[in-house]
Amino acid sequence: MPRKFTRTETAYHEAGHATAAWLLGLRFKNVTIAPSEQGTLGCINELTAPKWFRPEVAVTPRIRVMAERRIVTFFAGKCAQEQYLGKKVRSGYE
């Protein structure tokens, strides 16, 4: 059974996502550490891609940059949480 994350850990994790998104120019509505019905401990809400972002149709340099920004934002949560803890997080992150 995976260990449970504290609210502080969750806050650092979600702040990592939000900070990366903001620094990379990605739009989002808000961030929360309130548990959801889907079982998440928090989330960054409405991190939406622009209408032109369609990597399934074509991969242009513009689409590649947007994809890379979204990937960095995804991993930033885990990185922020690990920095706060001072150790690796092995499971339960997104």
N, C-alpha and C. Protein backbone atom coordinates (compact mmCIF):
# COMPACT_ATOMS: atom_id res chain seq x y z
N MET A 1 0.85 -1.18 0.00
CA MET A 1 0.00 0.00 0.00
C MET A 1 0.89 1.24 0.00
N PRO A 2 0.64 2.18 -0.94
CA PRO A 2 1.46 3.39 -0.98
C PRO A 2 1.19 4.28 0.22
N ARG A 3 2.20 5.01 0.63
CA ARG A 3 2.03 5.90 1.77
C ARG A 3 1.14 7.07 1.38
N LYS A 4 0.53 7.69 2.36
CA LYS A 4 -0.35 8.84 2.11
C LYS A 4 0.48 10.11 2.16
N PHE A 5 0.18 11.01 1.25
CA PHE A 5 0.87 12.30 1.22
C PHE A 5 0.19 13.26 2.19
N THR A 6 1.00 14.11 2.82
CA THR A 6 0.44 15.15 3.70
C THR A 6 -0.11 16.28 2.83
N ARG A 7 -0.90 17.12 3.45
CA ARG A 7 -1.44 18.27 2.71
C ARG A 7 -0.31 19.21 2.29
N THR A 8 0.73 19.32 3.11
CA THR A 8 1.86 20.18 2.76
C THR A 8 2.58 19.62 1.54
N GLU A 9 2.80 18.31 1.51
CA GLU A 9 3.42 17.68 0.34
C GLU A 9 2.59 17.92 -0.90
N THR A 10 1.28 17.75 -0.76
CA THR A 10 0.37 17.97 -1.88
C THR A 10 0.44 19.41 -2.35
N ALA A 11 0.52 20.35 -1.41
CA ALA A 11 0.61 21.77 -1.77
C ALA A 11 1.89 22.05 -2.55
N TYR A 12 3.02 21.51 -2.11
CA TYR A 12 4.26 21.69 -2.85
C TYR A 12 4.17 21.08 -4.24
N HIS A 13 3.58 19.88 -4.32
CA HIS A 13 3.43 19.18 -5.59
C HIS A 13 2.62 20.03 -6.58
N GLU A 14 1.45 20.48 -6.15
CA GLU A 14 0.59 21.27 -7.03
C GLU A 14 1.21 22.64 -7.35
N ALA A 15 1.91 23.22 -6.37
CA ALA A 15 2.60 24.49 -6.62
C ALA A 15 3.69 24.31 -7.68
N GLY A 16 4.33 23.15 -7.70
CA GLY A 16 5.33 22.86 -8.73
C GLY A 16 4.71 22.89 -10.12
N HIS A 17 3.54 22.23 -10.26
CA HIS A 17 2.83 22.27 -11.55
C HIS A 17 2.48 23.71 -11.93
N ALA A 18 1.89 24.44 -10.98
CA ALA A 18 1.42 25.79 -11.26
C ALA A 18 2.58 26.74 -11.60
N THR A 19 3.67 26.64 -10.86
CA THR A 19 4.82 27.52 -11.10
C THR A 19 5.41 27.26 -12.48
N ALA A 20 5.59 26.00 -12.82
CA ALA A 20 6.13 25.67 -14.15
C ALA A 20 5.20 26.16 -15.25
N ALA A 21 3.91 25.93 -15.08
CA ALA A 21 2.94 26.37 -16.10
C ALA A 21 3.02 27.89 -16.27
N TRP A 22 3.04 28.60 -15.16
CA TRP A 22 3.10 30.07 -15.21
C TRP A 22 4.39 30.55 -15.88
N LEU A 23 5.52 29.98 -15.47
CA LEU A 23 6.81 30.39 -16.05
C LEU A 23 6.90 30.09 -17.54
N LEU A 24 6.22 29.01 -17.97
CA LEU A 24 6.27 28.62 -19.38
C LEU A 24 5.14 29.22 -20.22
N GLY A 25 4.34 30.06 -19.59
CA GLY A 25 3.28 30.76 -20.32
C GLY A 25 2.04 29.94 -20.61
N LEU A 26 1.82 28.88 -19.84
CA LEU A 26 0.62 28.06 -20.03
C LEU A 26 -0.50 28.62 -19.16
N ARG A 27 -1.69 28.64 -19.71
CA ARG A 27 -2.83 29.19 -18.98
C ARG A 27 -3.52 28.11 -18.16
N PHE A 28 -3.95 28.50 -16.96
CA PHE A 28 -4.75 27.62 -16.12
C PHE A 28 -5.65 28.49 -15.27
N LYS A 29 -6.74 27.88 -14.77
CA LYS A 29 -7.72 28.66 -14.02
C LYS A 29 -7.33 28.81 -12.56
N ASN A 30 -7.05 27.70 -11.87
CA ASN A 30 -6.66 27.74 -10.46
C ASN A 30 -6.00 26.44 -10.07
N VAL A 31 -5.52 26.41 -8.84
CA VAL A 31 -4.87 25.22 -8.28
C VAL A 31 -5.53 24.93 -6.95
N THR A 32 -5.71 23.65 -6.66
CA THR A 32 -6.33 23.28 -5.39
C THR A 32 -5.62 22.08 -4.77
N ILE A 33 -5.70 21.99 -3.45
CA ILE A 33 -5.22 20.80 -2.76
C ILE A 33 -6.41 20.10 -2.08
N ALA A 34 -7.61 20.39 -2.57
CA ALA A 34 -8.81 19.73 -2.08
C ALA A 34 -8.94 18.38 -2.78
N PRO A 35 -9.15 17.30 -2.02
CA PRO A 35 -9.34 15.98 -2.64
C PRO A 35 -10.56 15.99 -3.58
N SER A 36 -10.46 15.25 -4.67
CA SER A 36 -11.55 15.20 -5.64
C SER A 36 -12.29 13.86 -5.56
N GLU A 37 -13.43 13.82 -6.21
CA GLU A 37 -14.20 12.57 -6.29
C GLU A 37 -13.45 11.51 -7.09
N GLN A 38 -12.56 11.93 -7.98
CA GLN A 38 -11.77 11.00 -8.79
C GLN A 38 -10.61 10.39 -8.00
N GLY A 39 -10.39 10.85 -6.78
CA GLY A 39 -9.34 10.28 -5.95
C GLY A 39 -8.04 11.05 -5.93
N THR A 40 -7.98 12.19 -6.62
CA THR A 40 -6.75 12.98 -6.58
C THR A 40 -6.70 13.81 -5.31
N LEU A 41 -5.51 14.14 -4.86
CA LEU A 41 -5.34 14.95 -3.65
C LEU A 41 -5.33 16.43 -3.95
N GLY A 42 -5.19 16.78 -5.20
CA GLY A 42 -5.19 18.16 -5.64
C GLY A 42 -5.05 18.19 -7.15
N CYS A 43 -5.17 19.37 -7.72
CA CYS A 43 -4.99 19.47 -9.17
C CYS A 43 -4.85 20.92 -9.61
N ILE A 44 -4.33 21.07 -10.80
CA ILE A 44 -4.28 22.36 -11.46
C ILE A 44 -5.45 22.33 -12.44
N ASN A 45 -6.39 23.24 -12.27
CA ASN A 45 -7.63 23.21 -13.03
C ASN A 45 -7.55 23.99 -14.33
N GLU A 46 -8.11 23.37 -15.35
CA GLU A 46 -8.25 23.97 -16.67
C GLU A 46 -6.92 24.39 -17.27
N LEU A 47 -5.95 23.48 -17.19
CA LEU A 47 -4.68 23.68 -17.90
C LEU A 47 -4.95 23.22 -19.33
N THR A 48 -5.48 24.12 -20.11
CA THR A 48 -5.95 23.77 -21.44
C THR A 48 -4.92 24.13 -22.50
N ALA A 49 -4.94 23.34 -23.54
CA ALA A 49 -4.08 23.61 -24.69
C ALA A 49 -4.82 24.52 -25.66
N PRO A 50 -4.09 25.33 -26.41
CA PRO A 50 -4.74 26.17 -27.41
C PRO A 50 -5.39 25.31 -28.50
N LYS A 51 -6.33 25.87 -29.21
CA LYS A 51 -7.05 25.13 -30.26
C LYS A 51 -6.12 24.63 -31.36
N TRP A 52 -5.04 25.35 -31.62
CA TRP A 52 -4.12 24.94 -32.69
C TRP A 52 -3.23 23.77 -32.28
N PHE A 53 -3.22 23.40 -31.00
CA PHE A 53 -2.37 22.31 -30.52
C PHE A 53 -3.02 20.97 -30.85
N ARG A 54 -2.59 20.38 -31.98
CA ARG A 54 -3.14 19.10 -32.42
C ARG A 54 -1.99 18.21 -32.87
N PRO A 55 -1.22 17.66 -31.93
CA PRO A 55 -0.06 16.85 -32.31
C PRO A 55 -0.42 15.56 -33.05
N GLU A 56 -1.69 15.15 -32.95
CA GLU A 56 -2.12 13.95 -33.67
C GLU A 56 -2.26 14.22 -35.17
N VAL A 57 -2.34 15.50 -35.55
CA VAL A 57 -2.49 15.88 -36.95
C VAL A 57 -1.14 16.16 -37.59
N ALA A 58 -0.32 16.95 -36.91
CA ALA A 58 1.00 17.32 -37.43
C ALA A 58 1.88 17.76 -36.27
N VAL A 59 3.18 17.56 -36.42
CA VAL A 59 4.11 18.02 -35.39
C VAL A 59 5.01 19.09 -36.02
N THR A 60 4.62 20.32 -35.78
CA THR A 60 5.39 21.47 -36.25
C THR A 60 6.29 21.92 -35.11
N PRO A 61 7.25 22.79 -35.38
CA PRO A 61 8.07 23.30 -34.28
C PRO A 61 7.23 23.96 -33.17
N ARG A 62 6.21 24.67 -33.54
CA ARG A 62 5.33 25.32 -32.56
C ARG A 62 4.62 24.28 -31.67
N ILE A 63 4.14 23.22 -32.27
CA ILE A 63 3.46 22.16 -31.51
C ILE A 63 4.46 21.44 -30.62
N ARG A 64 5.66 21.21 -31.12
CA ARG A 64 6.67 20.54 -30.31
C ARG A 64 7.01 21.36 -29.06
N VAL A 65 7.17 22.67 -29.21
CA VAL A 65 7.48 23.53 -28.06
C VAL A 65 6.35 23.47 -27.04
N MET A 66 5.10 23.52 -27.50
CA MET A 66 3.97 23.44 -26.58
C MET A 66 3.94 22.09 -25.87
N ALA A 67 4.20 21.01 -26.59
CA ALA A 67 4.23 19.68 -25.98
C ALA A 67 5.31 19.61 -24.91
N GLU A 68 6.48 20.15 -25.21
CA GLU A 68 7.58 20.14 -24.25
C GLU A 68 7.23 20.95 -23.00
N ARG A 69 6.56 22.07 -23.17
CA ARG A 69 6.14 22.88 -22.03
C ARG A 69 5.15 22.12 -21.15
N ARG A 70 4.24 21.41 -21.77
CA ARG A 70 3.25 20.64 -21.00
C ARG A 70 3.91 19.47 -20.27
N ILE A 71 4.90 18.84 -20.89
CA ILE A 71 5.62 17.74 -20.24
C ILE A 71 6.41 18.26 -19.03
N VAL A 72 7.10 19.37 -19.20
CA VAL A 72 7.84 19.97 -18.08
C VAL A 72 6.89 20.28 -16.93
N THR A 73 5.74 20.85 -17.25
CA THR A 73 4.74 21.18 -16.23
C THR A 73 4.27 19.93 -15.51
N PHE A 74 4.07 18.86 -16.24
CA PHE A 74 3.64 17.60 -15.64
C PHE A 74 4.67 17.10 -14.61
N PHE A 75 5.94 17.10 -14.98
CA PHE A 75 6.97 16.58 -14.08
C PHE A 75 7.35 17.54 -12.95
N ALA A 76 7.03 18.81 -13.09
CA ALA A 76 7.41 19.80 -12.08
C ALA A 76 6.76 19.53 -10.72
N GLY A 77 5.59 18.94 -10.71
CA GLY A 77 4.94 18.61 -9.44
C GLY A 77 5.76 17.64 -8.62
N LYS A 78 6.19 16.56 -9.25
CA LYS A 78 7.02 15.56 -8.58
C LYS A 78 8.35 16.17 -8.13
N CYS A 79 8.96 16.99 -8.98
CA CYS A 79 10.24 17.61 -8.64
C CYS A 79 10.11 18.53 -7.42
N ALA A 80 9.05 19.33 -7.37
CA ALA A 80 8.85 20.23 -6.23
C ALA A 80 8.60 19.43 -4.95
N GLN A 81 7.84 18.38 -5.05
CA GLN A 81 7.56 17.54 -3.89
C GLN A 81 8.84 16.88 -3.39
N GLU A 82 9.67 16.40 -4.29
CA GLU A 82 10.93 15.78 -3.89
C GLU A 82 11.88 16.79 -3.26
N GLN A 83 11.90 18.00 -3.77
CA GLN A 83 12.76 19.03 -3.19
C GLN A 83 12.31 19.34 -1.76
N TYR A 84 11.01 19.42 -1.55
CA TYR A 84 10.47 19.66 -0.21
C TYR A 84 10.83 18.52 0.74
N LEU A 85 10.66 17.28 0.28
CA LEU A 85 10.92 16.11 1.13
C LEU A 85 12.40 15.83 1.33
N GLY A 86 13.21 16.19 0.36
CA GLY A 86 14.64 15.86 0.40
C GLY A 86 14.91 14.42 0.03
N LYS A 87 13.95 13.79 -0.66
CA LYS A 87 14.13 12.40 -1.11
C LYS A 87 13.22 12.14 -2.30
N LYS A 88 13.47 11.03 -2.99
CA LYS A 88 12.67 10.65 -4.15
C LYS A 88 11.25 10.25 -3.74
N VAL A 89 10.32 10.57 -4.61
CA VAL A 89 8.94 10.12 -4.46
C VAL A 89 8.76 8.97 -5.45
N ARG A 90 8.42 7.83 -4.96
CA ARG A 90 8.38 6.63 -5.82
C ARG A 90 7.03 6.35 -6.46
N SER A 91 5.94 6.74 -5.83
CA SER A 91 4.63 6.42 -6.42
C SER A 91 3.60 7.44 -5.98
N GLY A 92 2.46 7.42 -6.67
CA GLY A 92 1.33 8.25 -6.27
C GLY A 92 1.40 9.68 -6.73
N TYR A 93 2.22 9.98 -7.71
CA TYR A 93 2.29 11.36 -8.19
C TYR A 93 1.78 11.42 -9.62
N GLU A 94 1.27 12.60 -9.97
CA GLU A 94 0.86 12.88 -11.34
C GLU A 94 1.02 14.35 -11.60
